[in-house]
Structures are given as structure tokens and as C-alpha cells.
Amino acid sequence: MMKRRTGPPRVRLKPEALWEQIRRRNLSQNELADRAGISSGYLSQLISGRKSPSPEVRRRLQTALNITHFDELFVLEYEDEPATKRH
């Protein structure tokens, strides 16, 4: 059965990419949260996928880590729903 994309995409933080950037810069999760101007609890929710970062938070994280390309830290996910059969 074919599926089709529905609604706008959800932006998800790539946790493995974030941890690599944190390691490269010798930062802690709390230090990154401070640099990005967000709470460490919120950053934890982004890492676990429980929350989706707003455009402003994405910009702050990219700035804090000096990352210019969206896809270095984030991925777009689409919800799929089964396609309806046409008669």
C-alpha cells in the first residue's frame, strides 16, 4: 500500500550529530544550552525527540555551534498516511 505525506514536515534534531559537535568543542550539554539561550531541560527534550525546535531555537543552536547548514544538525520528517484507493 502506498503512503503519502500529510501536513507540514516536523523538524527533528539529530542527536548523534549534536553530540559530535559538543565533543568537538569540548562543551557540556549545559554549556551549549547556556550559549544557545535555552534551558538544559529543553535541550534534553530536543535531543530525545520529545520536542521539535522552533526556527528561533534552531538558529540559536546553529549560532552557538558555528554551524551554517541546516542539515548538519536537523532533519525534516513527514507523517505518512496510507493512500486511499481510488475506484
PDB file of N, CA and C in Angstrom:
ATOM      1  N   MET A   1       0.842  -1.170   0.000  1.00  0.00           N
ATOM      2  CA  MET A   1       0.000   0.000   0.000  1.00  0.00           C
ATOM      3  C   MET A   1       0.894   1.242   0.000  1.00  0.00           C
ATOM      4  N   MET A   2       0.615   2.159  -0.884  1.00  0.00           N
ATOM      5  CA  MET A   2       1.398   3.388  -0.961  1.00  0.00           C
ATOM      6  C   MET A   2       0.988   4.347   0.153  1.00  0.00           C
ATOM      7  N   LYS A   3       1.956   5.146   0.569  1.00  0.00           N
ATOM      8  CA  LYS A   3       1.671   6.156   1.582  1.00  0.00           C
ATOM      9  C   LYS A   3       1.934   7.523   0.984  1.00  0.00           C
ATOM     10  N   ARG A   4       1.275   8.495   1.530  1.00  0.00           N
ATOM     11  CA  ARG A   4       1.518   9.857   1.072  1.00  0.00           C
ATOM     12  C   ARG A   4       1.823  10.731   2.275  1.00  0.00           C
ATOM     13  N   ARG A   5       2.545  11.782   2.007  1.00  0.00           N
ATOM     14  CA  ARG A   5       2.914  12.711   3.069  1.00  0.00           C
ATOM     15  C   ARG A   5       1.730  13.610   3.380  1.00  0.00           C
ATOM     16  N   THR A   6       1.558  13.876   4.667  1.00  0.00           N
ATOM     17  CA  THR A   6       0.466  14.741   5.074  1.00  0.00           C
ATOM     18  C   THR A   6       1.005  15.860   5.940  1.00  0.00           C
ATOM     19  N   GLY A   7       0.446  17.020   5.784  1.00  0.00           N
ATOM     20  CA  GLY A   7       0.799  18.143   6.636  1.00  0.00           C
ATOM     21  C   GLY A   7       2.229  18.605   6.468  1.00  0.00           C
ATOM     22  N   PRO A   8       2.573  19.612   7.234  1.00  0.00           N
ATOM     23  CA  PRO A   8       3.932  20.153   7.156  1.00  0.00           C
ATOM     24  C   PRO A   8       4.928  19.188   7.795  1.00  0.00           C
ATOM     25  N   PRO A   9       6.184  19.276   7.385  1.00  0.00           N
ATOM     26  CA  PRO A   9       7.185  18.396   7.991  1.00  0.00           C
ATOM     27  C   PRO A   9       7.468  18.803   9.430  1.00  0.00           C
ATOM     28  N   ARG A  10       7.943  17.859  10.196  1.00  0.00           N
ATOM     29  CA  ARG A  10       8.381  18.103  11.573  1.00  0.00           C
ATOM     30  C   ARG A  10       9.903  18.168  11.539  1.00  0.00           C
ATOM     31  N   VAL A  11      10.467  19.167  12.181  1.00  0.00           N
ATOM     32  CA  VAL A  11      11.918  19.281  12.265  1.00  0.00           C
ATOM     33  C   VAL A  11      12.380  18.533  13.505  1.00  0.00           C
ATOM     34  N   ARG A  12      13.377  17.677  13.320  1.00  0.00           N
ATOM     35  CA  ARG A  12      13.923  16.912  14.430  1.00  0.00           C
ATOM     36  C   ARG A  12      15.420  17.164  14.514  1.00  0.00           C
ATOM     37  N   LEU A  13      15.894  17.324  15.723  1.00  0.00           N
ATOM     38  CA  LEU A  13      17.320  17.447  15.979  1.00  0.00           C
ATOM     39  C   LEU A  13      17.967  16.077  15.804  1.00  0.00           C
ATOM     40  N   LYS A  14      19.123  16.033  15.156  1.00  0.00           N
ATOM     41  CA  LYS A  14      19.875  14.782  15.023  1.00  0.00           C
ATOM     42  C   LYS A  14      20.772  14.652  16.253  1.00  0.00           C
ATOM     43  N   PRO A  15      20.395  13.811  17.216  1.00  0.00           N
ATOM     44  CA  PRO A  15      21.168  13.748  18.460  1.00  0.00           C
ATOM     45  C   PRO A  15      22.620  13.337  18.257  1.00  0.00           C
ATOM     46  N   GLU A  16      22.867  12.368  17.366  1.00  0.00           N
ATOM     47  CA  GLU A  16      24.242  11.920  17.154  1.00  0.00           C
ATOM     48  C   GLU A  16      25.117  13.043  16.593  1.00  0.00           C
ATOM     49  N   ALA A  17      24.555  13.857  15.719  1.00  0.00           N
ATOM     50  CA  ALA A  17      25.299  14.987  15.158  1.00  0.00           C
ATOM     51  C   ALA A  17      25.548  16.048  16.228  1.00  0.00           C
ATOM     52  N   LEU A  18      24.552  16.282  17.068  1.00  0.00           N
ATOM     53  CA  LEU A  18      24.720  17.266  18.139  1.00  0.00           C
ATOM     54  C   LEU A  18      25.814  16.829  19.110  1.00  0.00           C
ATOM     55  N   TRP A  19      25.791  15.551  19.522  1.00  0.00           N
ATOM     56  CA  TRP A  19      26.814  15.070  20.463  1.00  0.00           C
ATOM     57  C   TRP A  19      28.207  15.170  19.859  1.00  0.00           C
ATOM     58  N   GLU A  20      28.329  14.921  18.572  1.00  0.00           N
ATOM     59  CA  GLU A  20      29.629  15.057  17.908  1.00  0.00           C
ATOM     60  C   GLU A  20      30.105  16.510  17.967  1.00  0.00           C
ATOM     61  N   GLN A  21      29.202  17.445  17.715  1.00  0.00           N
ATOM     62  CA  GLN A  21      29.565  18.867  17.772  1.00  0.00           C
ATOM     63  C   GLN A  21      29.941  19.279  19.198  1.00  0.00           C
ATOM     64  N   ILE A  22      29.226  18.775  20.178  1.00  0.00           N
ATOM     65  CA  ILE A  22      29.526  19.077  21.581  1.00  0.00           C
ATOM     66  C   ILE A  22      30.912  18.545  21.943  1.00  0.00           C
ATOM     67  N   ARG A  23      31.203  17.314  21.513  1.00  0.00           N
ATOM     68  CA  ARG A  23      32.524  16.720  21.796  1.00  0.00           C
ATOM     69  C   ARG A  23      33.640  17.515  21.132  1.00  0.00           C
ATOM     70  N   ARG A  24      33.445  17.871  19.865  1.00  0.00           N
ATOM     71  CA  ARG A  24      34.471  18.626  19.129  1.00  0.00           C
ATOM     72  C   ARG A  24      34.815  19.944  19.816  1.00  0.00           C
ATOM     73  N   ARG A  25      33.829  20.533  20.447  1.00  0.00           N
ATOM     74  CA  ARG A  25      34.029  21.843  21.079  1.00  0.00           C
ATOM     75  C   ARG A  25      34.307  21.738  22.576  1.00  0.00           C
ATOM     76  N   ASN A  26      34.388  20.505  23.058  1.00  0.00           N
ATOM     77  CA  ASN A  26      34.669  20.259  24.474  1.00  0.00           C
ATOM     78  C   ASN A  26      33.674  20.998  25.379  1.00  0.00           C
ATOM     79  N   LEU A  27      32.400  20.882  25.023  1.00  0.00           N
ATOM     80  CA  LEU A  27      31.326  21.523  25.780  1.00  0.00           C
ATOM     81  C   LEU A  27      30.541  20.473  26.556  1.00  0.00           C
ATOM     82  N   SER A  28      29.814  20.935  27.532  1.00  0.00           N
ATOM     83  CA  SER A  28      28.819  20.090  28.182  1.00  0.00           C
ATOM     84  C   SER A  28      27.455  20.460  27.601  1.00  0.00           C
ATOM     85  N   GLN A  29      26.470  19.630  27.865  1.00  0.00           N
ATOM     86  CA  GLN A  29      25.110  19.934  27.421  1.00  0.00           C
ATOM     87  C   GLN A  29      24.644  21.249  28.044  1.00  0.00           C
ATOM     88  N   ASN A  30      24.953  21.461  29.312  1.00  0.00           N
ATOM     89  CA  ASN A  30      24.557  22.697  29.996  1.00  0.00           C
ATOM     90  C   ASN A  30      25.231  23.919  29.385  1.00  0.00           C
ATOM     91  N   GLU A  31      26.505  23.795  29.028  1.00  0.00           N
ATOM     92  CA  GLU A  31      27.209  24.925  28.408  1.00  0.00           C
ATOM     93  C   GLU A  31      26.592  25.277  27.061  1.00  0.00           C
ATOM     94  N   LEU A  32      26.246  24.269  26.279  1.00  0.00           N
ATOM     95  CA  LEU A  32      25.605  24.535  24.994  1.00  0.00           C
ATOM     96  C   LEU A  32      24.257  25.210  25.205  1.00  0.00           C
ATOM     97  N   ALA A  33      23.480  24.725  26.149  1.00  0.00           N
ATOM     98  CA  ALA A  33      22.178  25.336  26.432  1.00  0.00           C
ATOM     99  C   ALA A  33      22.364  26.807  26.809  1.00  0.00           C
ATOM    100  N   ASP A  34      23.348  27.100  27.653  1.00  0.00           N
ATOM    101  CA  ASP A  34      23.621  28.490  28.035  1.00  0.00           C
ATOM    102  C   ASP A  34      23.983  29.332  26.822  1.00  0.00           C
ATOM    103  N   ARG A  35      24.865  28.821  25.982  1.00  0.00           N
ATOM    104  CA  ARG A  35      25.285  29.563  24.780  1.00  0.00           C
ATOM    105  C   ARG A  35      24.117  29.818  23.830  1.00  0.00           C
ATOM    106  N   ALA A  36      23.191  28.865  23.777  1.00  0.00           N
ATOM    107  CA  ALA A  36      22.039  28.992  22.880  1.00  0.00           C
ATOM    108  C   ALA A  36      20.888  29.765  23.519  1.00  0.00           C
ATOM    109  N   GLY A  37      20.996  30.047  24.812  1.00  0.00           N
ATOM    110  CA  GLY A  37      19.941  30.793  25.491  1.00  0.00           C
ATOM    111  C   GLY A  37      18.683  29.982  25.735  1.00  0.00           C
ATOM    112  N   ILE A  38      18.848  28.675  25.918  1.00  0.00           N
ATOM    113  CA  ILE A  38      17.712  27.807  26.227  1.00  0.00           C
ATOM    114  C   ILE A  38      18.045  27.020  27.491  1.00  0.00           C
ATOM    115  N   SER A  39      17.045  26.437  28.112  1.00  0.00           N
ATOM    116  CA  SER A  39      17.305  25.664  29.327  1.00  0.00           C
ATOM    117  C   SER A  39      17.897  24.306  28.958  1.00  0.00           C
ATOM    118  N   SER A  40      18.651  23.746  29.879  1.00  0.00           N
ATOM    119  CA  SER A  40      19.230  22.420  29.632  1.00  0.00           C
ATOM    120  C   SER A  40      18.123  21.365  29.555  1.00  0.00           C
ATOM    121  N   GLY A  41      17.031  21.573  30.287  1.00  0.00           N
ATOM    122  CA  GLY A  41      15.896  20.652  30.215  1.00  0.00           C
ATOM    123  C   GLY A  41      15.250  20.649  28.840  1.00  0.00           C
ATOM    124  N   TYR A  42      15.109  21.835  28.253  1.00  0.00           N
ATOM    125  CA  TYR A  42      14.533  21.936  26.914  1.00  0.00           C
ATOM    126  C   TYR A  42      15.470  21.290  25.894  1.00  0.00           C
ATOM    127  N   LEU A  43      16.781  21.538  26.042  1.00  0.00           N
ATOM    128  CA  LEU A  43      17.742  20.909  25.139  1.00  0.00           C
ATOM    129  C   LEU A  43      17.644  19.388  25.247  1.00  0.00           C
ATOM    130  N   SER A  44      17.478  18.886  26.439  1.00  0.00           N
ATOM    131  CA  SER A  44      17.319  17.446  26.648  1.00  0.00           C
ATOM    132  C   SER A  44      16.082  16.922  25.915  1.00  0.00           C
ATOM    133  N   GLN A  45      14.995  17.678  25.934  1.00  0.00           N
ATOM    134  CA  GLN A  45      13.773  17.277  25.224  1.00  0.00           C
ATOM    135  C   GLN A  45      13.989  17.282  23.713  1.00  0.00           C
ATOM    136  N   LEU A  46      14.788  18.222  23.221  1.00  0.00           N
ATOM    137  CA  LEU A  46      15.103  18.255  21.791  1.00  0.00           C
ATOM    138  C   LEU A  46      15.939  17.035  21.407  1.00  0.00           C
ATOM    139  N   ILE A  47      16.917  16.710  22.249  1.00  0.00           N
ATOM    140  CA  ILE A  47      17.803  15.579  21.980  1.00  0.00           C
ATOM    141  C   ILE A  47      17.022  14.269  21.965  1.00  0.00           C
ATOM    142  N   SER A  48      16.084  14.123  22.882  1.00  0.00           N
ATOM    143  CA  SER A  48      15.305  12.880  22.973  1.00  0.00           C
ATOM    144  C   SER A  48      14.208  12.800  21.913  1.00  0.00           C
ATOM    145  N   GLY A  49      13.930  13.910  21.229  1.00  0.00           N
ATOM    146  CA  GLY A  49      12.885  13.918  20.210  1.00  0.00           C
ATOM    147  C   GLY A  49      11.500  14.206  20.745  1.00  0.00           C
ATOM    148  N   ARG A  50      11.392  14.510  22.042  1.00  0.00           N
ATOM    149  CA  ARG A  50      10.078  14.817  22.624  1.00  0.00           C
ATOM    150  C   ARG A  50       9.567  16.176  22.164  1.00  0.00           C
ATOM    151  N   LYS A  51      10.481  17.067  21.815  1.00  0.00           N
ATOM    152  CA  LYS A  51      10.108  18.400  21.328  1.00  0.00           C
ATOM    153  C   LYS A  51      10.752  18.626  19.973  1.00  0.00           C
ATOM    154  N   SER A  52      10.143  19.500  19.204  1.00  0.00           N
ATOM    155  CA  SER A  52      10.672  19.907  17.913  1.00  0.00           C
ATOM    156  C   SER A  52      11.139  21.357  18.035  1.00  0.00           C
ATOM    157  N   PRO A  53      12.357  21.673  17.611  1.00  0.00           N
ATOM    158  CA  PRO A  53      12.870  23.031  17.801  1.00  0.00           C
ATOM    159  C   PRO A  53      12.197  24.049  16.884  1.00  0.00           C
ATOM    160  N   SER A  54      11.883  25.197  17.445  1.00  0.00           N
ATOM    161  CA  SER A  54      11.320  26.294  16.658  1.00  0.00           C
ATOM    162  C   SER A  54      12.415  26.856  15.750  1.00  0.00           C
ATOM    163  N   PRO A  55      12.040  27.638  14.743  1.00  0.00           N
ATOM    164  CA  PRO A  55      13.062  28.264  13.898  1.00  0.00           C
ATOM    165  C   PRO A  55      14.067  29.088  14.712  1.00  0.00           C
ATOM    166  N   GLU A  56      13.600  29.794  15.726  1.00  0.00           N
ATOM    167  CA  GLU A  56      14.495  30.603  16.556  1.00  0.00           C
ATOM    168  C   GLU A  56      15.481  29.731  17.325  1.00  0.00           C
ATOM    169  N   VAL A  57      15.021  28.640  17.884  1.00  0.00           N
ATOM    170  CA  VAL A  57      15.907  27.736  18.636  1.00  0.00           C
ATOM    171  C   VAL A  57      16.898  27.067  17.688  1.00  0.00           C
ATOM    172  N   ARG A  58      16.453  26.706  16.495  1.00  0.00           N
ATOM    173  CA  ARG A  58      17.383  26.134  15.508  1.00  0.00           C
ATOM    174  C   ARG A  58      18.485  27.134  15.193  1.00  0.00           C
ATOM    175  N   ARG A  59      18.106  28.379  14.984  1.00  0.00           N
ATOM    176  CA  ARG A  59      19.091  29.423  14.689  1.00  0.00           C
ATOM    177  C   ARG A  59      20.067  29.586  15.844  1.00  0.00           C
ATOM    178  N   ARG A  60      19.552  29.593  17.065  1.00  0.00           N
ATOM    179  CA  ARG A  60      20.412  29.758  18.243  1.00  0.00           C
ATOM    180  C   ARG A  60      21.407  28.615  18.386  1.00  0.00           C
ATOM    181  N   LEU A  61      20.937  27.394  18.172  1.00  0.00           N
ATOM    182  CA  LEU A  61      21.843  26.244  18.264  1.00  0.00           C
ATOM    183  C   LEU A  61      22.903  26.295  17.169  1.00  0.00           C
ATOM    184  N   GLN A  62      22.495  26.628  15.960  1.00  0.00           N
ATOM    185  CA  GLN A  62      23.455  26.733  14.867  1.00  0.00           C
ATOM    186  C   GLN A  62      24.483  27.825  15.151  1.00  0.00           C
ATOM    187  N   THR A  63      24.042  28.952  15.680  1.00  0.00           N
ATOM    188  CA  THR A  63      24.959  30.042  16.014  1.00  0.00           C
ATOM    189  C   THR A  63      25.905  29.627  17.129  1.00  0.00           C
ATOM    190  N   ALA A  64      25.379  28.999  18.170  1.00  0.00           N
ATOM    191  CA  ALA A  64      26.202  28.583  19.310  1.00  0.00           C
ATOM    192  C   ALA A  64      27.281  27.590  18.893  1.00  0.00           C
ATOM    193  N   LEU A  65      26.988  26.780  17.873  1.00  0.00           N
ATOM    194  CA  LEU A  65      27.943  25.772  17.415  1.00  0.00           C
ATOM    195  C   LEU A  65      28.668  26.191  16.137  1.00  0.00           C
ATOM    196  N   ASN A  66      28.384  27.403  15.661  1.00  0.00           N
ATOM    197  CA  ASN A  66      29.001  27.928  14.436  1.00  0.00           C
ATOM    198  C   ASN A  66      28.761  26.982  13.248  1.00  0.00           C
ATOM    199  N   ILE A  67      27.508  26.580  13.105  1.00  0.00           N
ATOM    200  CA  ILE A  67      27.095  25.685  12.022  1.00  0.00           C
ATOM    201  C   ILE A  67      26.210  26.473  11.070  1.00  0.00           C
ATOM    202  N   THR A  68      26.521  26.390   9.783  1.00  0.00           N
ATOM    203  CA  THR A  68      25.761  27.176   8.814  1.00  0.00           C
ATOM    204  C   THR A  68      24.686  26.373   8.083  1.00  0.00           C
ATOM    205  N   HIS A  69      24.852  25.070   7.965  1.00  0.00           N
ATOM    206  CA  HIS A  69      23.917  24.264   7.182  1.00  0.00           C
ATOM    207  C   HIS A  69      22.897  23.555   8.070  1.00  0.00           C
ATOM    208  N   PHE A  70      21.641  23.770   7.765  1.00  0.00           N
ATOM    209  CA  PHE A  70      20.518  23.175   8.499  1.00  0.00           C
ATOM    210  C   PHE A  70      20.693  21.671   8.681  1.00  0.00           C
ATOM    211  N   ASP A  71      21.044  20.988   7.587  1.00  0.00           N
ATOM    212  CA  ASP A  71      21.072  19.524   7.631  1.00  0.00           C
ATOM    213  C   ASP A  71      22.244  18.933   8.407  1.00  0.00           C
ATOM    214  N   GLU A  72      23.130  19.759   8.919  1.00  0.00           N
ATOM    215  CA  GLU A  72      24.193  19.247   9.784  1.00  0.00           C
ATOM    216  C   GLU A  72      23.640  18.849  11.151  1.00  0.00           C
ATOM    217  N   LEU A  73      22.575  19.517  11.585  1.00  0.00           N
ATOM    218  CA  LEU A  73      22.008  19.257  12.915  1.00  0.00           C
ATOM    219  C   LEU A  73      20.556  18.794  12.900  1.00  0.00           C
ATOM    220  N   PHE A  74      19.852  19.046  11.799  1.00  0.00           N
ATOM    221  CA  PHE A  74      18.406  18.815  11.784  1.00  0.00           C
ATOM    222  C   PHE A  74      17.983  17.996  10.574  1.00  0.00           C
ATOM    223  N   VAL A  75      16.838  17.358  10.726  1.00  0.00           N
ATOM    224  CA  VAL A  75      16.252  16.593   9.633  1.00  0.00           C
ATOM    225  C   VAL A  75      14.752  16.891   9.598  1.00  0.00           C
ATOM    226  N   LEU A  76      14.185  16.881   8.406  1.00  0.00           N
ATOM    227  CA  LEU A  76      12.737  17.046   8.245  1.00  0.00           C
ATOM    228  C   LEU A  76      12.093  15.669   8.209  1.00  0.00           C
ATOM    229  N   GLU A  77      11.046  15.496   8.988  1.00  0.00           N
ATOM    230  CA  GLU A  77      10.295  14.242   8.989  1.00  0.00           C
ATOM    231  C   GLU A  77       8.863  14.539   8.588  1.00  0.00           C
ATOM    232  N   TYR A  78       8.323  13.663   7.772  1.00  0.00           N
ATOM    233  CA  TYR A  78       6.936  13.800   7.338  1.00  0.00           C
ATOM    234  C   TYR A  78       6.121  12.666   7.927  1.00  0.00           C
ATOM    235  N   GLU A  79       4.906  12.977   8.314  1.00  0.00           N
ATOM    236  CA  GLU A  79       3.987  11.919   8.734  1.00  0.00           C
ATOM    237  C   GLU A  79       3.412  11.302   7.474  1.00  0.00           C
ATOM    238  N   ASP A  80       3.380   9.998   7.451  1.00  0.00           N
ATOM    239  CA  ASP A  80       2.796   9.296   6.314  1.00  0.00           C
ATOM    240  C   ASP A  80       1.435   8.753   6.704  1.00  0.00           C
ATOM    241  N   GLU A  81       0.557   8.763   5.752  1.00  0.00           N
ATOM    242  CA  GLU A  81      -0.737   8.113   5.967  1.00  0.00           C
ATOM    243  C   GLU A  81      -0.995   7.235   4.757  1.00  0.00           C
ATOM    244  N   PRO A  82      -1.682   6.130   4.948  1.00  0.00           N
ATOM    245  CA  PRO A  82      -1.961   5.256   3.809  1.00  0.00           C
ATOM    246  C   PRO A  82      -2.760   6.001   2.745  1.00  0.00           C
ATOM    247  N   ALA A  83      -2.398   5.787   1.515  1.00  0.00           N
ATOM    248  CA  ALA A  83      -3.140   6.402   0.412  1.00  0.00           C
ATOM    249  C   ALA A  83      -4.489   5.705   0.288  1.00  0.00           C
ATOM    250  N   THR A  84      -5.497   6.473  -0.013  1.00  0.00           N
ATOM    251  CA  THR A  84      -6.816   5.866  -0.187  1.00  0.00           C
ATOM    252  C   THR A  84      -6.910   5.291  -1.591  1.00  0.00           C
ATOM    253  N   LYS A  85      -7.600   4.175  -1.701  1.00  0.00           N
ATOM    254  CA  LYS A  85      -7.767   3.545  -3.008  1.00  0.00           C
ATOM    255  C   LYS A  85      -8.795   4.319  -3.809  1.00  0.00           C
ATOM    256  N   ARG A  86      -8.503   4.452  -5.085  1.00  0.00           N
ATOM    257  CA  ARG A  86      -9.465   5.103  -5.981  1.00  0.00           C
ATOM    258  C   ARG A  86     -10.173   4.031  -6.791  1.00  0.00           C
ATOM    259  N   HIS A  87     -11.459   4.209  -6.956  1.00  0.00           N
ATOM    260  CA  HIS A  87     -12.240   3.232  -7.729  1.00  0.00           C
ATOM    261  C   HIS A  87     -12.576   3.777  -9.070  1.00  0.00           C
TER     262      HIS A  87
END
